Amino acid sequence: MGGLYLESLDLARAAAEAASEKQASDILLLDVRDVCNFSSFFVICTGDSDRQLRAIGEEIEMTLEKLGVRVLHQEGESDSGWMLYDYGDVVVHIFSPAERQHYEFDELWRKGKPVIRIQ
């Protein structure tokens, strides 16, 4: 595994830590390289309110910008219950509890390898 893997993993870990800083729950860092053709790692987490979802997203953006990485694409708004931040090799998904359960995202990507899980 070369430098790109480590850089992507470090970026994903930084995103997971930033989510934790804003008290996101059920944080999951998945290695999806074997099951996904558009990304290497997913960071999936849950926020309990629109305000918290927005705060988690802002913290992740700010943290990764400090590391010299800008979001390539962003989808969703906090009031929709789902937000996506695409950093290329790392994609961050921030869900409300209801949306995470509804889309069964963890089940959808169950073949990914868990790297970190923070309840």
C-alpha atoms as a PDB file:
ATOM      1  CA  MET A   1       0.000   0.000   0.000  1.00  0.00           C
ATOM      2  CA  GLY A   2       1.496   3.241  -1.127  1.00  0.00           C
ATOM      3  CA  GLY A   3       1.420   6.842  -0.029  1.00  0.00           C
ATOM      4  CA  LEU A   4      -1.941   7.628  -1.627  1.00  0.00           C
ATOM      5  CA  TYR A   5      -3.623   4.993   0.553  1.00  0.00           C
ATOM      6  CA  LEU A   6      -2.073   6.480   3.689  1.00  0.00           C
ATOM      7  CA  GLU A   7      -2.959  10.029   2.671  1.00  0.00           C
ATOM      8  CA  SER A   8      -6.554   9.032   1.952  1.00  0.00           C
ATOM      9  CA  LEU A   9      -6.786   7.068   5.178  1.00  0.00           C
ATOM     10  CA  ASP A  10      -5.309   9.984   7.136  1.00  0.00           C
ATOM     11  CA  LEU A  11      -7.843  12.307   5.516  1.00  0.00           C
ATOM     12  CA  ALA A  12     -10.700   9.937   6.380  1.00  0.00           C
ATOM     13  CA  ARG A  13      -9.457   9.653   9.975  1.00  0.00           C
ATOM     14  CA  ALA A  14      -9.293  13.456  10.244  1.00  0.00           C
ATOM     15  CA  ALA A  15     -12.889  13.692   8.999  1.00  0.00           C
ATOM     16  CA  ALA A  16     -14.022  11.079  11.533  1.00  0.00           C
ATOM     17  CA  GLU A  17     -12.216  12.910  14.346  1.00  0.00           C
ATOM     18  CA  ALA A  18     -13.788  16.226  13.273  1.00  0.00           C
ATOM     19  CA  ALA A  19     -17.234  14.604  13.368  1.00  0.00           C
ATOM     20  CA  SER A  20     -16.465  13.283  16.845  1.00  0.00           C
ATOM     21  CA  GLU A  21     -15.465  16.796  17.963  1.00  0.00           C
ATOM     22  CA  LYS A  22     -19.034  17.903  17.192  1.00  0.00           C
ATOM     23  CA  GLN A  23     -20.506  14.923  19.064  1.00  0.00           C
ATOM     24  CA  ALA A  24     -21.618  12.999  15.980  1.00  0.00           C
ATOM     25  CA  SER A  25     -22.799   9.523  16.907  1.00  0.00           C
ATOM     26  CA  ASP A  26     -22.289   6.105  15.344  1.00  0.00           C
ATOM     27  CA  ILE A  27     -19.234   7.229  13.384  1.00  0.00           C
ATOM     28  CA  LEU A  28     -18.071   4.599  10.919  1.00  0.00           C
ATOM     29  CA  LEU A  29     -14.971   4.787   8.746  1.00  0.00           C
ATOM     30  CA  LEU A  30     -15.231   2.172   6.004  1.00  0.00           C
ATOM     31  CA  ASP A  31     -12.579   1.008   3.577  1.00  0.00           C
ATOM     32  CA  VAL A  32     -14.645   0.556   0.396  1.00  0.00           C
ATOM     33  CA  ARG A  33     -11.796   0.089  -2.097  1.00  0.00           C
ATOM     34  CA  ASP A  34     -12.821  -3.510  -2.852  1.00  0.00           C
ATOM     35  CA  VAL A  35     -16.532  -2.731  -3.339  1.00  0.00           C
ATOM     36  CA  CYS A  36     -16.659   0.793  -4.763  1.00  0.00           C
ATOM     37  CA  ASN A  37     -15.236   2.227  -7.986  1.00  0.00           C
ATOM     38  CA  PHE A  38     -15.518   5.929  -7.143  1.00  0.00           C
ATOM     39  CA  SER A  39     -13.993   6.238  -3.674  1.00  0.00           C
ATOM     40  CA  SER A  40     -11.642   4.507  -1.247  1.00  0.00           C
ATOM     41  CA  PHE A  41     -13.138   5.436   2.118  1.00  0.00           C
ATOM     42  CA  PHE A  42     -16.533   6.439   3.454  1.00  0.00           C
ATOM     43  CA  VAL A  43     -17.018   8.282   6.713  1.00  0.00           C
ATOM     44  CA  ILE A  44     -20.597   7.811   7.880  1.00  0.00           C
ATOM     45  CA  CYS A  45     -21.992   9.531  10.944  1.00  0.00           C
ATOM     46  CA  THR A  46     -25.209  10.701  12.568  1.00  0.00           C
ATOM     47  CA  GLY A  47     -26.295  14.032  14.013  1.00  0.00           C
ATOM     48  CA  ASP A  48     -29.408  14.513  16.114  1.00  0.00           C
ATOM     49  CA  SER A  49     -30.634  17.857  14.750  1.00  0.00           C
ATOM     50  CA  ASP A  50     -30.400  20.121  11.709  1.00  0.00           C
ATOM     51  CA  ARG A  51     -28.102  22.362  13.691  1.00  0.00           C
ATOM     52  CA  GLN A  52     -25.805  19.507  14.660  1.00  0.00           C
ATOM     53  CA  LEU A  53     -25.708  18.144  11.090  1.00  0.00           C
ATOM     54  CA  ARG A  54     -24.637  21.583   9.853  1.00  0.00           C
ATOM     55  CA  ALA A  55     -22.031  21.916  12.650  1.00  0.00           C
ATOM     56  CA  ILE A  56     -20.561  18.480  11.844  1.00  0.00           C
ATOM     57  CA  GLY A  57     -20.304  19.347   8.151  1.00  0.00           C
ATOM     58  CA  GLU A  58     -18.704  22.721   8.851  1.00  0.00           C
ATOM     59  CA  GLU A  59     -16.184  21.184  11.263  1.00  0.00           C
ATOM     60  CA  ILE A  60     -15.183  18.531   8.739  1.00  0.00           C
ATOM     61  CA  GLU A  61     -14.810  21.120   5.972  1.00  0.00           C
ATOM     62  CA  MET A  62     -12.749  23.422   8.190  1.00  0.00           C
ATOM     63  CA  THR A  63     -10.530  20.587   9.468  1.00  0.00           C
ATOM     64  CA  LEU A  64      -9.781  19.231   6.009  1.00  0.00           C
ATOM     65  CA  GLU A  65      -9.192  22.713   4.575  1.00  0.00           C
ATOM     66  CA  LYS A  66      -6.511  23.178   7.246  1.00  0.00           C
ATOM     67  CA  LEU A  67      -4.905  20.030   5.810  1.00  0.00           C
ATOM     68  CA  GLY A  68      -4.989  21.614   2.361  1.00  0.00           C
ATOM     69  CA  VAL A  69      -7.960  19.661   1.026  1.00  0.00           C
ATOM     70  CA  ARG A  70     -11.124  21.271  -0.303  1.00  0.00           C
ATOM     71  CA  VAL A  71     -14.454  19.584  -0.884  1.00  0.00           C
ATOM     72  CA  LEU A  72     -14.928  18.661  -4.555  1.00  0.00           C
ATOM     73  CA  HIS A  73     -18.703  18.356  -4.368  1.00  0.00           C
ATOM     74  CA  GLN A  74     -21.325  18.824  -1.684  1.00  0.00           C
ATOM     75  CA  GLU A  75     -24.927  17.611  -1.722  1.00  0.00           C
ATOM     76  CA  GLY A  76     -27.843  17.846   0.654  1.00  0.00           C
ATOM     77  CA  GLU A  77     -28.736  20.327   3.344  1.00  0.00           C
ATOM     78  CA  SER A  78     -29.012  19.860   7.085  1.00  0.00           C
ATOM     79  CA  ASP A  79     -32.814  20.130   6.971  1.00  0.00           C
ATOM     80  CA  SER A  80     -32.996  17.203   4.508  1.00  0.00           C
ATOM     81  CA  GLY A  81     -31.413  14.841   7.057  1.00  0.00           C
ATOM     82  CA  TRP A  82     -28.527  13.898   4.776  1.00  0.00           C
ATOM     83  CA  MET A  83     -25.414  15.729   3.676  1.00  0.00           C
ATOM     84  CA  LEU A  84     -22.594  14.459   1.469  1.00  0.00           C
ATOM     85  CA  TYR A  85     -19.074  15.876   1.199  1.00  0.00           C
ATOM     86  CA  ASP A  86     -17.043  14.413  -1.655  1.00  0.00           C
ATOM     87  CA  TYR A  87     -13.269  14.642  -1.320  1.00  0.00           C
ATOM     88  CA  GLY A  88     -12.541  12.135  -4.089  1.00  0.00           C
ATOM     89  CA  ASP A  89     -10.956   9.186  -2.311  1.00  0.00           C
ATOM     90  CA  VAL A  90     -12.963  10.060   0.807  1.00  0.00           C
ATOM     91  CA  VAL A  91     -16.723  10.622   0.851  1.00  0.00           C
ATOM     92  CA  VAL A  92     -18.388  11.830   4.047  1.00  0.00           C
ATOM     93  CA  HIS A  93     -22.065  11.076   4.698  1.00  0.00           C
ATOM     94  CA  ILE A  94     -23.802  12.882   7.559  1.00  0.00           C
ATOM     95  CA  PHE A  95     -27.277  11.570   8.377  1.00  0.00           C
ATOM     96  CA  SER A  96     -30.107  12.266  10.758  1.00  0.00           C
ATOM     97  CA  PRO A  97     -31.043   9.075  12.663  1.00  0.00           C
ATOM     98  CA  ALA A  98     -34.257   8.660  10.622  1.00  0.00           C
ATOM     99  CA  GLU A  99     -32.525   9.079   7.245  1.00  0.00           C
ATOM    100  CA  ARG A 100     -29.685   6.722   8.147  1.00  0.00           C
ATOM    101  CA  GLN A 101     -32.183   4.073   9.152  1.00  0.00           C
ATOM    102  CA  HIS A 102     -34.434   4.727   6.138  1.00  0.00           C
ATOM    103  CA  TYR A 103     -31.652   4.389   3.556  1.00  0.00           C
ATOM    104  CA  GLU A 104     -30.006   1.456   5.389  1.00  0.00           C
ATOM    105  CA  PHE A 105     -26.679   2.906   4.316  1.00  0.00           C
ATOM    106  CA  ASP A 106     -24.624   0.725   6.638  1.00  0.00           C
ATOM    107  CA  GLU A 107     -26.306  -2.378   5.210  1.00  0.00           C
ATOM    108  CA  LEU A 108     -25.858  -1.153   1.634  1.00  0.00           C
ATOM    109  CA  TRP A 109     -22.078  -0.925   2.111  1.00  0.00           C
ATOM    110  CA  ARG A 110     -21.716  -3.874   4.528  1.00  0.00           C
ATOM    111  CA  LYS A 111     -19.012  -5.434   2.338  1.00  0.00           C
ATOM    112  CA  GLY A 112     -16.745  -2.502   3.124  1.00  0.00           C
ATOM    113  CA  LYS A 113     -14.119  -3.106   5.795  1.00  0.00           C
ATOM    114  CA  PRO A 114     -14.636  -1.159   9.034  1.00  0.00           C
ATOM    115  CA  VAL A 115     -11.506   0.781   9.972  1.00  0.00           C
ATOM    116  CA  ILE A 116     -12.954   2.795  12.873  1.00  0.00           C
ATOM    117  CA  ARG A 117     -16.310   2.666  14.631  1.00  0.00           C
ATOM    118  CA  ILE A 118     -17.115   5.198  17.332  1.00  0.00           C
ATOM    119  CA  GLN A 119     -20.462   4.674  18.998  1.00  0.00           C
END
